[in-house]
């Protein structure tokens, strides 16, 4: 079942809060590097060993 829609007032508040935060990346190459680091970290052998149960 789908969740109920967020009231517009709550949505506006959330959007304003997000707009006031400092961005993680300020350019496309920086964002690309940031995302690549996340993905590489998740599939690295060291991280993969820590996921084994």
PDB file of N, CA and C in Angstrom:
ATOM      1  N   UNK A   1       0.843  -1.171   0.000  1.00  0.00           N
ATOM      2  CA  UNK A   1       0.000   0.000   0.000  1.00  0.00           C
ATOM      3  C   UNK A   1       0.892   1.240   0.000  1.00  0.00           C
ATOM      4  N   UNK A   2       0.524   2.224  -0.755  1.00  0.00           N
ATOM      5  CA  UNK A   2       1.303   3.467  -0.844  1.00  0.00           C
ATOM      6  C   UNK A   2       1.097   4.318   0.401  1.00  0.00           C
ATOM      7  N   UNK A   3       2.132   5.040   0.756  1.00  0.00           N
ATOM      8  CA  UNK A   3       2.057   5.938   1.914  1.00  0.00           C
ATOM      9  C   UNK A   3       1.202   7.154   1.566  1.00  0.00           C
ATOM     10  N   UNK A   4       0.677   7.791   2.584  1.00  0.00           N
ATOM     11  CA  UNK A   4      -0.133   8.990   2.370  1.00  0.00           C
ATOM     12  C   UNK A   4       0.743  10.135   1.866  1.00  0.00           C
ATOM     13  N   UNK A   5       0.162  11.009   1.100  1.00  0.00           N
ATOM     14  CA  UNK A   5       0.880  12.164   0.581  1.00  0.00           C
ATOM     15  C   UNK A   5       1.278  13.107   1.713  1.00  0.00           C
ATOM     16  N   UNK A   6       2.436  13.726   1.552  1.00  0.00           N
ATOM     17  CA  UNK A   6       2.922  14.681   2.543  1.00  0.00           C
ATOM     18  C   UNK A   6       2.180  16.003   2.355  1.00  0.00           C
ATOM     19  N   UNK A   7       1.716  16.612   3.437  1.00  0.00           N
ATOM     20  CA  UNK A   7       1.064  17.918   3.310  1.00  0.00           C
ATOM     21  C   UNK A   7       2.032  18.950   2.719  1.00  0.00           C
ATOM     22  N   UNK A   8       1.509  19.883   1.958  1.00  0.00           N
ATOM     23  CA  UNK A   8       2.357  20.872   1.281  1.00  0.00           C
ATOM     24  C   UNK A   8       3.185  21.694   2.260  1.00  0.00           C
ATOM     25  N   UNK A   9       2.649  22.001   3.411  1.00  0.00           N
ATOM     26  CA  UNK A   9       3.391  22.783   4.410  1.00  0.00           C
ATOM     27  C   UNK A   9       4.615  21.996   4.873  1.00  0.00           C
ATOM     28  N   UNK A  10       4.442  20.709   5.127  1.00  0.00           N
ATOM     29  CA  UNK A  10       5.557  19.867   5.559  1.00  0.00           C
ATOM     30  C   UNK A  10       6.579  19.714   4.436  1.00  0.00           C
ATOM     31  N   UNK A  11       6.113  19.558   3.213  1.00  0.00           N
ATOM     32  CA  UNK A  11       7.001  19.446   2.065  1.00  0.00           C
ATOM     33  C   UNK A  11       7.814  20.724   1.889  1.00  0.00           C
ATOM     34  N   UNK A  12       7.172  21.866   2.004  1.00  0.00           N
ATOM     35  CA  UNK A  12       7.859  23.159   1.869  1.00  0.00           C
ATOM     36  C   UNK A  12       8.936  23.300   2.941  1.00  0.00           C
ATOM     37  N   UNK A  13       8.625  22.920   4.168  1.00  0.00           N
ATOM     38  CA  UNK A  13       9.597  23.002   5.264  1.00  0.00           C
ATOM     39  C   UNK A  13      10.796  22.097   4.967  1.00  0.00           C
ATOM     40  N   UNK A  14      10.540  20.885   4.487  1.00  0.00           N
ATOM     41  CA  UNK A  14      11.613  19.948   4.167  1.00  0.00           C
ATOM     42  C   UNK A  14      12.492  20.499   3.048  1.00  0.00           C
ATOM     43  N   UNK A  15      11.873  21.058   2.016  1.00  0.00           N
ATOM     44  CA  UNK A  15      12.635  21.620   0.900  1.00  0.00           C
ATOM     45  C   UNK A  15      13.487  22.798   1.354  1.00  0.00           C
ATOM     46  N   UNK A  16      12.951  23.651   2.214  1.00  0.00           N
ATOM     47  CA  UNK A  16      13.711  24.789   2.730  1.00  0.00           C
ATOM     48  C   UNK A  16      14.896  24.321   3.557  1.00  0.00           C
ATOM     49  N   UNK A  17      14.698  23.311   4.388  1.00  0.00           N
ATOM     50  CA  UNK A  17      15.793  22.766   5.189  1.00  0.00           C
ATOM     51  C   UNK A  17      16.900  22.222   4.298  1.00  0.00           C
ATOM     52  N   UNK A  18      16.526  21.519   3.240  1.00  0.00           N
ATOM     53  CA  UNK A  18      17.517  20.961   2.309  1.00  0.00           C
ATOM     54  C   UNK A  18      18.252  22.065   1.566  1.00  0.00           C
ATOM     55  N   UNK A  19      17.550  23.133   1.198  1.00  0.00           N
ATOM     56  CA  UNK A  19      18.167  24.223   0.446  1.00  0.00           C
ATOM     57  C   UNK A  19      19.193  24.972   1.295  1.00  0.00           C
ATOM     58  N   UNK A  20      19.025  24.976   2.599  1.00  0.00           N
ATOM     59  CA  UNK A  20      19.929  25.706   3.483  1.00  0.00           C
ATOM     60  C   UNK A  20      21.187  24.909   3.827  1.00  0.00           C
ATOM     61  N   UNK A  21      21.205  23.622   3.547  1.00  0.00           N
ATOM     62  CA  UNK A  21      22.385  22.795   3.839  1.00  0.00           C
ATOM     63  C   UNK A  21      23.482  23.041   2.812  1.00  0.00           C
ATOM     64  N   UNK A  22      24.725  22.847   3.248  1.00  0.00           N
ATOM     65  CA  UNK A  22      25.856  22.947   2.343  1.00  0.00           C
ATOM     66  C   UNK A  22      25.882  21.699   1.463  1.00  0.00           C
ATOM     67  N   UNK A  23      25.994  21.844   0.147  1.00  0.00           N
ATOM     68  CA  UNK A  23      25.986  20.664  -0.729  1.00  0.00           C
ATOM     69  C   UNK A  23      27.250  19.830  -0.569  1.00  0.00           C
ATOM     70  N   UNK A  24      27.122  18.535  -0.793  1.00  0.00           N
ATOM     71  CA  UNK A  24      28.272  17.628  -0.736  1.00  0.00           C
ATOM     72  C   UNK A  24      29.209  17.926  -1.902  1.00  0.00           C
ATOM     73  N   UNK A  25      28.644  18.184  -3.068  1.00  0.00           N
ATOM     74  CA  UNK A  25      29.440  18.466  -4.258  1.00  0.00           C
ATOM     75  C   UNK A  25      28.907  19.726  -4.929  1.00  0.00           C
ATOM     76  N   UNK A  26      29.830  20.529  -5.444  1.00  0.00           N
ATOM     77  CA  UNK A  26      29.420  21.775  -6.094  1.00  0.00           C
ATOM     78  C   UNK A  26      29.606  21.741  -7.604  1.00  0.00           C
ATOM     79  N   UNK A  27      30.091  20.613  -8.129  1.00  0.00           N
ATOM     80  CA  UNK A  27      30.237  20.476  -9.575  1.00  0.00           C
ATOM     81  C   UNK A  27      29.996  19.019  -9.956  1.00  0.00           C
ATOM     82  N   UNK A  28      29.755  18.796 -11.208  1.00  0.00           N
ATOM     83  CA  UNK A  28      29.504  17.430 -11.675  1.00  0.00           C
ATOM     84  C   UNK A  28      30.717  16.518 -11.484  1.00  0.00           C
ATOM     85  N   UNK A  29      31.947  16.964 -11.801  1.00  0.00           N
ATOM     86  CA  UNK A  29      33.098  16.088 -11.552  1.00  0.00           C
ATOM     87  C   UNK A  29      33.265  15.736 -10.065  1.00  0.00           C
ATOM     88  N   UNK A  30      32.993  16.683  -9.180  1.00  0.00           N
ATOM     89  CA  UNK A  30      33.092  16.403  -7.751  1.00  0.00           C
ATOM     90  C   UNK A  30      32.042  15.393  -7.335  1.00  0.00           C
ATOM     91  N   UNK A  31      30.825  15.550  -7.829  1.00  0.00           N
ATOM     92  CA  UNK A  31      29.757  14.598  -7.529  1.00  0.00           C
ATOM     93  C   UNK A  31      30.107  13.217  -8.068  1.00  0.00           C
ATOM     94  N   UNK A  32      30.665  13.172  -9.267  1.00  0.00           N
ATOM     95  CA  UNK A  32      31.065  11.899  -9.862  1.00  0.00           C
ATOM     96  C   UNK A  32      32.111  11.207  -8.979  1.00  0.00           C
ATOM     97  N   UNK A  33      33.102  11.940  -8.509  1.00  0.00           N
ATOM     98  CA  UNK A  33      34.124  11.373  -7.638  1.00  0.00           C
ATOM     99  C   UNK A  33      33.554  10.906  -6.316  1.00  0.00           C
ATOM    100  N   UNK A  34      32.654  11.685  -5.776  1.00  0.00           N
ATOM    101  CA  UNK A  34      32.013  11.340  -4.502  1.00  0.00           C
ATOM    102  C   UNK A  34      31.240  10.032  -4.638  1.00  0.00           C
ATOM    103  N   UNK A  35      30.462   9.913  -5.698  1.00  0.00           N
ATOM    104  CA  UNK A  35      29.678   8.697  -5.919  1.00  0.00           C
ATOM    105  C   UNK A  35      30.589   7.499  -6.219  1.00  0.00           C
ATOM    106  N   UNK A  36      31.655   7.722  -6.981  1.00  0.00           N
ATOM    107  CA  UNK A  36      32.585   6.632  -7.290  1.00  0.00           C
ATOM    108  C   UNK A  36      33.246   6.117  -6.016  1.00  0.00           C
ATOM    109  N   UNK A  37      33.586   7.018  -5.100  1.00  0.00           N
ATOM    110  CA  UNK A  37      34.204   6.604  -3.837  1.00  0.00           C
ATOM    111  C   UNK A  37      33.235   5.767  -3.010  1.00  0.00           C
ATOM    112  N   UNK A  38      31.974   6.142  -3.019  1.00  0.00           N
ATOM    113  CA  UNK A  38      30.971   5.365  -2.276  1.00  0.00           C
ATOM    114  C   UNK A  38      30.839   3.965  -2.871  1.00  0.00           C
ATOM    115  N   UNK A  39      30.719   3.886  -4.176  1.00  0.00           N
ATOM    116  CA  UNK A  39      30.553   2.590  -4.837  1.00  0.00           C
ATOM    117  C   UNK A  39      31.815   1.748  -4.673  1.00  0.00           C
ATOM    118  N   UNK A  40      32.985   2.347  -4.876  1.00  0.00           N
ATOM    119  CA  UNK A  40      34.240   1.601  -4.738  1.00  0.00           C
ATOM    120  C   UNK A  40      34.412   1.108  -3.313  1.00  0.00           C
ATOM    121  N   UNK A  41      34.012   1.902  -2.353  1.00  0.00           N
ATOM    122  CA  UNK A  41      34.107   1.484  -0.962  1.00  0.00           C
ATOM    123  C   UNK A  41      33.195   0.309  -0.659  1.00  0.00           C
ATOM    124  N   UNK A  42      32.033   0.292  -1.279  1.00  0.00           N
ATOM    125  CA  UNK A  42      31.077  -0.784  -1.030  1.00  0.00           C
ATOM    126  C   UNK A  42      31.491  -2.106  -1.660  1.00  0.00           C
ATOM    127  N   UNK A  43      32.253  -2.062  -2.747  1.00  0.00           N
ATOM    128  CA  UNK A  43      32.634  -3.297  -3.433  1.00  0.00           C
ATOM    129  C   UNK A  43      34.095  -3.650  -3.211  1.00  0.00           C
ATOM    130  N   UNK A  44      34.817  -2.895  -2.396  1.00  0.00           N
ATOM    131  CA  UNK A  44      36.220  -3.201  -2.146  1.00  0.00           C
ATOM    132  C   UNK A  44      36.346  -4.499  -1.360  1.00  0.00           C
ATOM    133  N   UNK A  45      37.439  -5.231  -1.528  1.00  0.00           N
ATOM    134  CA  UNK A  45      37.620  -6.500  -0.802  1.00  0.00           C
ATOM    135  C   UNK A  45      37.571  -6.333   0.710  1.00  0.00           C
ATOM    136  N   UNK A  46      38.126  -5.258   1.227  1.00  0.00           N
ATOM    137  CA  UNK A  46      38.118  -5.058   2.675  1.00  0.00           C
ATOM    138  C   UNK A  46      36.686  -4.928   3.187  1.00  0.00           C
ATOM    139  N   UNK A  47      35.876  -4.170   2.482  1.00  0.00           N
ATOM    140  CA  UNK A  47      34.494  -3.980   2.908  1.00  0.00           C
ATOM    141  C   UNK A  47      33.681  -5.256   2.704  1.00  0.00           C
ATOM    142  N   UNK A  48      33.950  -5.952   1.618  1.00  0.00           N
ATOM    143  CA  UNK A  48      33.203  -7.185   1.347  1.00  0.00           C
ATOM    144  C   UNK A  48      33.462  -8.213   2.432  1.00  0.00           C
ATOM    145  N   UNK A  49      34.691  -8.301   2.939  1.00  0.00           N
ATOM    146  CA  UNK A  49      34.993  -9.249   4.012  1.00  0.00           C
ATOM    147  C   UNK A  49      34.242  -8.903   5.281  1.00  0.00           C
ATOM    148  N   UNK A  50      34.045  -7.643   5.539  1.00  0.00           N
ATOM    149  CA  UNK A  50      33.350  -7.246   6.765  1.00  0.00           C
ATOM    150  C   UNK A  50      31.857  -7.530   6.669  1.00  0.00           C
ATOM    151  N   UNK A  51      31.343  -7.753   5.454  1.00  0.00           N
ATOM    152  CA  UNK A  51      29.914  -8.027   5.291  1.00  0.00           C
ATOM    153  C   UNK A  51      29.592  -9.508   5.447  1.00  0.00           C
ATOM    154  N   UNK A  52      30.614 -10.357   5.381  1.00  0.00           N
ATOM    155  CA  UNK A  52      30.369 -11.800   5.510  1.00  0.00           C
ATOM    156  C   UNK A  52      29.952 -12.138   6.938  1.00  0.00           C
ATOM    157  N   UNK A  53      28.984 -13.004   7.068  1.00  0.00           N
ATOM    158  CA  UNK A  53      28.513 -13.386   8.402  1.00  0.00           C
ATOM    159  C   UNK A  53      29.034 -14.743   8.790  1.00  0.00           C
TER     160      UNK A  53
END
